[in-house]
């Protein structure tokens, strides 16, 4: 008996694979067509509305303007707070000497010295407060705090020697000041006058701290402003009428 060879059935997988590939290609084509149509629509709309390119620039400019406005608003608030700063003589007498230096720094800031800083510490070479006034003059101030105020010991000429040696040469000061909530001895007055140092005693300090006039308007004579402005010209004219030397009150 002869056996017939068994016929193997052809697999239908290739047909399915071809169908899947065709379906995939159709999907890609459809997606491509939709994407192209969408891009063409967007391009057409942008062509009809070219101002859309200005939106990022407008947004950036708006954010910048808001930032500047907020900065100026904060600066105005700082200026108002600074103008309201006042210290009584009793308050200054009750401060620790370091707090006293910070109070002097704040007063200089109140008067427009935006870079005023307290620098007093060990090895400060005679400077406790440094600042640049609105007229460009550099101030170097040494502070001598007395717990008993005017009743305490007088600031003597030896206290001025270090300041006189470093105020201009080391710190580059245009206006070199010795400031105290107490008083100065007669030799200190004479030495300051001979060296062009400025002295601020308890009376002048109280006038400055409790008022609103800057220190350079209260001192008898200060160097001319570095910045040439109408205000600086008026200050120079007024200062030429003042008597040179250290201006203090109530000295003993």
Protein backbone atom coordinates (compact mmCIF):
# COMPACT_ATOMS: atom_id res chain seq x y z
CA UNK A 1 0.00 0.00 0.00
CA UNK A 2 1.44 3.33 -1.06
CA UNK A 3 1.11 6.18 1.40
CA UNK A 4 0.37 9.58 0.06
CA UNK A 5 2.71 12.31 1.24
CA UNK A 6 1.16 14.54 3.82
CA UNK A 7 0.63 18.05 2.56
CA UNK A 8 1.67 20.73 4.92
CA UNK A 9 -0.63 23.67 5.37
CA UNK A 10 0.78 26.98 4.43
CA UNK A 11 1.14 29.37 7.34
CA UNK A 12 -1.01 32.43 7.25
CA UNK A 13 1.45 34.48 9.31
CA UNK A 14 3.11 36.26 6.36
CA UNK A 15 -0.28 37.50 5.25
CA UNK A 16 -0.99 38.84 8.73
CA UNK A 17 2.44 40.47 8.85
CA UNK A 18 1.81 42.17 5.54
CA UNK A 19 -1.54 43.40 6.78
CA UNK A 20 0.00 44.83 9.94
CA UNK A 21 2.71 46.62 7.98
CA UNK A 22 0.15 48.14 5.66
CA UNK A 23 -1.97 49.29 8.57
CA UNK A 24 1.12 50.84 10.22
CA UNK A 25 2.05 52.68 7.04
CA UNK A 26 -1.47 53.99 6.70
CA UNK A 27 -1.38 55.31 10.27
CA UNK A 28 1.95 57.03 9.66
CA UNK A 29 0.60 58.57 6.51
CA UNK A 30 -2.51 59.78 8.29
CA UNK A 31 -0.48 61.27 11.14
CA UNK A 32 1.87 62.92 8.68
CA UNK A 33 -1.02 64.38 6.73
CA UNK A 34 -2.66 65.74 9.87
CA UNK A 35 0.67 67.16 11.12
CA UNK A 36 1.40 68.79 7.77
CA UNK A 37 -2.08 70.27 7.68
CA UNK A 38 -1.70 71.57 11.21
CA UNK A 39 1.72 73.10 10.46
CA UNK A 40 0.36 74.69 7.31
CA UNK A 41 -2.57 76.14 9.25
CA UNK A 42 -0.30 77.52 11.96
CA UNK A 43 2.07 78.98 9.36
CA UNK A 44 -0.84 80.58 7.56
CA UNK A 45 -2.21 82.04 10.79
CA UNK A 46 1.21 83.38 11.79
CA UNK A 47 1.63 84.91 8.34
CA UNK A 48 -1.66 86.71 8.81
CA UNK A 49 -0.77 87.76 12.38
CA UNK A 50 2.99 88.64 12.37
CA UNK A 51 2.63 90.57 15.62
CA UNK A 52 2.69 87.26 17.48
CA UNK A 53 6.50 87.32 17.28
CA UNK A 54 6.50 90.46 19.40
CA UNK A 55 4.76 88.74 22.30
CA UNK A 56 7.95 87.31 23.92
CA UNK A 57 9.65 90.69 23.65
CA UNK A 58 6.61 92.44 25.13
CA UNK A 59 6.43 89.89 27.95
CA UNK A 60 10.13 90.28 28.76
CA UNK A 61 9.86 94.07 28.70
CA UNK A 62 6.81 93.92 30.94
CA UNK A 63 8.59 91.70 33.47
CA UNK A 64 11.60 94.02 33.42
CA UNK A 65 9.39 97.07 33.97
CA UNK A 66 7.68 95.37 36.89
CA UNK A 67 11.06 94.50 38.41
CA UNK A 68 12.30 98.09 38.09
CA UNK A 69 9.06 99.40 39.59
CA UNK A 70 9.33 97.08 42.58
CA UNK A 71 12.98 98.04 43.13
CA UNK A 72 12.16 101.75 43.00
CA UNK A 73 9.22 101.24 45.33
CA UNK A 74 11.43 99.46 47.83
CA UNK A 75 14.07 102.18 47.48
CA UNK A 76 11.44 104.83 48.23
CA UNK A 77 10.35 102.89 51.30
CA UNK A 78 13.97 102.68 52.48
CA UNK A 79 14.40 106.41 51.92
CA UNK A 80 11.26 107.18 53.92
CA UNK A 81 12.35 104.90 56.74
CA UNK A 82 15.80 106.49 56.71
CA UNK A 83 14.38 110.01 56.86
CA UNK A 84 12.38 109.05 59.93
CA UNK A 85 15.49 107.82 61.77
CA UNK A 86 16.11 109.83 64.94
CA UNK A 87 18.17 109.18 68.08
CA UNK A 88 17.94 111.01 71.37
CA UNK A 89 21.05 111.77 73.40
CA UNK A 90 19.80 109.52 76.20
CA UNK A 91 19.36 106.65 73.78
CA UNK A 92 22.89 107.04 72.41
CA UNK A 93 24.36 107.19 75.91
CA UNK A 94 22.70 103.88 76.79
CA UNK A 95 24.10 101.96 73.83
CA UNK A 96 26.97 99.50 73.85
CA UNK A 97 29.96 100.98 72.04
CA UNK A 98 29.45 98.61 69.10
CA UNK A 99 25.78 99.56 68.86
CA UNK A 100 26.90 103.18 69.01
CA UNK A 101 29.02 102.63 65.90
CA UNK A 102 26.09 101.05 64.08
CA UNK A 103 23.91 104.01 65.05
CA UNK A 104 26.45 106.38 63.48
CA UNK A 105 26.51 104.22 60.37
CA UNK A 106 22.70 104.36 60.14
CA UNK A 107 22.72 108.14 60.46
CA UNK A 108 25.19 108.43 57.61
CA UNK A 109 22.98 106.13 55.55
CA UNK A 110 19.98 108.29 56.42
CA UNK A 111 21.81 111.29 54.99
CA UNK A 112 22.38 109.59 51.65
CA UNK A 113 25.61 107.61 52.14
CA UNK A 114 24.40 104.38 50.55
CA UNK A 115 27.69 102.55 51.12
CA UNK A 116 27.96 103.43 54.82
CA UNK A 117 29.43 100.55 56.79
CA UNK A 118 30.57 99.79 60.31
CA UNK A 119 34.17 98.57 60.18
CA UNK A 120 35.22 98.95 63.81
CA UNK A 121 36.94 95.86 65.17
CA UNK A 122 40.36 94.75 66.31
CA UNK A 123 43.01 96.15 63.99
CA UNK A 124 40.65 98.67 62.37
CA UNK A 125 43.49 101.23 62.24
CA UNK A 126 41.43 104.05 63.64
CA UNK A 127 38.25 103.69 61.55
CA UNK A 128 34.89 102.60 62.97
CA UNK A 129 32.57 103.89 60.22
CA UNK A 130 33.34 104.60 56.56
CA UNK A 131 31.00 106.12 54.00
CA UNK A 132 30.79 108.10 50.78
CA UNK A 133 28.41 111.05 50.79
CA UNK A 134 26.20 112.06 47.82
CA UNK A 135 28.87 114.58 46.78
CA UNK A 136 31.54 111.90 46.38
CA UNK A 137 33.52 112.70 49.55
CA UNK A 138 34.87 109.74 51.53
CA UNK A 139 34.26 109.88 55.28
CA UNK A 140 36.32 108.12 57.91
CA UNK A 141 34.85 108.27 61.41
CA UNK A 142 36.25 107.02 64.69
CA UNK A 143 33.71 106.69 67.51
CA UNK A 144 34.45 107.12 71.21
CA UNK A 145 31.50 106.10 73.36
CA UNK A 146 31.28 107.24 76.97
CA UNK A 147 28.82 105.48 79.29
CA UNK A 148 28.41 108.66 81.33
CA UNK A 149 28.13 110.90 78.29
CA UNK A 150 29.38 114.43 78.87
CA UNK A 151 30.16 113.55 82.50
CA UNK A 152 32.61 110.88 81.38
CA UNK A 153 36.31 111.33 80.71
CA UNK A 154 37.21 113.71 77.92
CA UNK A 155 38.58 112.39 74.64
CA UNK A 156 42.23 113.52 74.58
CA UNK A 157 44.76 114.24 71.88
CA UNK A 158 46.38 110.75 72.13
CA UNK A 159 43.07 109.33 70.87
CA UNK A 160 43.43 111.48 67.76
CA UNK A 161 47.00 110.49 66.91
CA UNK A 162 46.12 107.12 65.34
CA UNK A 163 43.20 108.58 63.42
CA UNK A 164 45.35 111.40 62.10
CA UNK A 165 47.96 108.91 60.92
CA UNK A 166 45.60 106.53 59.12
CA UNK A 167 42.43 108.47 58.25
CA UNK A 168 43.81 109.90 55.02
CA UNK A 169 46.90 107.80 54.30
CA UNK A 170 45.42 104.34 54.95
CA UNK A 171 41.67 104.79 54.54
CA UNK A 172 41.74 107.51 51.89
CA UNK A 173 39.37 109.80 53.77
CA UNK A 174 38.46 113.25 52.49
CA UNK A 175 36.71 114.06 55.77
CA UNK A 176 38.27 112.56 58.91
CA UNK A 177 36.08 112.75 62.02
CA UNK A 178 36.43 111.91 65.70
CA UNK A 179 32.94 111.53 67.16
CA UNK A 180 31.89 111.05 70.76
CA UNK A 181 28.81 111.28 72.93
CA UNK A 182 31.06 112.97 75.48
CA UNK A 183 33.50 115.90 75.25
CA UNK A 184 37.02 116.75 74.09
CA UNK A 185 39.98 118.04 76.06
CA UNK A 186 41.59 121.36 75.18
CA UNK A 187 44.76 119.68 73.78
CA UNK A 188 42.52 117.54 71.57
CA UNK A 189 40.81 120.66 70.22
CA UNK A 190 44.13 122.29 69.46
CA UNK A 191 45.55 119.18 67.79
CA UNK A 192 42.44 118.66 65.65
CA UNK A 193 42.50 122.28 64.53
CA UNK A 194 46.17 122.05 63.54
CA UNK A 195 45.65 118.82 61.56
CA UNK A 196 42.34 119.61 59.90
CA UNK A 197 40.42 116.91 61.77
CA UNK A 198 36.72 117.30 62.48
CA UNK A 199 35.38 116.81 66.00
CA UNK A 200 31.80 115.97 66.91
CA UNK A 201 30.99 116.16 70.62
CA UNK A 202 27.80 115.32 72.51
CA UNK A 203 26.06 118.60 71.64
CA UNK A 204 26.73 118.46 67.91
CA UNK A 205 25.96 114.75 67.91
CA UNK A 206 22.59 115.34 69.57
CA UNK A 207 21.76 118.03 67.00
CA UNK A 208 22.66 115.68 64.14
CA UNK A 209 21.02 112.52 65.53
CA UNK A 210 17.74 114.15 66.54
CA UNK A 211 17.38 116.35 63.45
CA UNK A 212 17.29 115.87 59.72
CA UNK A 213 20.30 117.84 58.47
CA UNK A 214 23.32 115.83 57.27
CA UNK A 215 26.54 116.03 59.21
CA UNK A 216 28.40 117.91 56.47
CA UNK A 217 25.96 120.80 56.84
CA UNK A 218 26.54 120.96 60.58
CA UNK A 219 30.33 120.91 60.49
CA UNK A 220 32.09 124.23 60.13
CA UNK A 221 34.18 123.34 57.09
CA UNK A 222 34.46 120.29 54.85
CA UNK A 223 36.33 119.70 51.58
CA UNK A 224 34.51 120.67 48.39
CA UNK A 225 32.37 118.00 46.74
CA UNK A 226 34.04 115.68 44.27
CA UNK A 227 30.97 115.83 41.99
CA UNK A 228 30.48 119.14 40.20
CA UNK A 229 26.77 119.97 40.49
CA UNK A 230 24.67 123.03 41.21
CA UNK A 231 24.24 121.77 44.78
CA UNK A 232 27.98 121.28 45.19
CA UNK A 233 28.61 124.84 43.93
CA UNK A 234 26.21 126.18 46.55
CA UNK A 235 27.92 124.14 49.24
CA UNK A 236 31.35 125.42 48.20
CA UNK A 237 30.06 129.01 48.26
CA UNK A 238 28.61 128.53 51.72
CA UNK A 239 31.70 126.78 53.08
CA UNK A 240 34.02 129.58 51.92
CA UNK A 241 32.13 131.85 54.31
CA UNK A 242 32.74 129.47 57.23
CA UNK A 243 35.71 129.59 59.54
CA UNK A 244 38.11 126.69 58.99
CA UNK A 245 39.10 124.14 61.60
CA UNK A 246 37.20 121.86 63.93
CA UNK A 247 33.72 122.88 64.95
CA UNK A 248 32.65 121.66 68.39
CA UNK A 249 30.51 122.97 71.21
CA UNK A 250 30.67 122.53 74.92
CA UNK A 251 34.35 121.49 74.86
CA UNK A 252 36.41 121.56 78.00
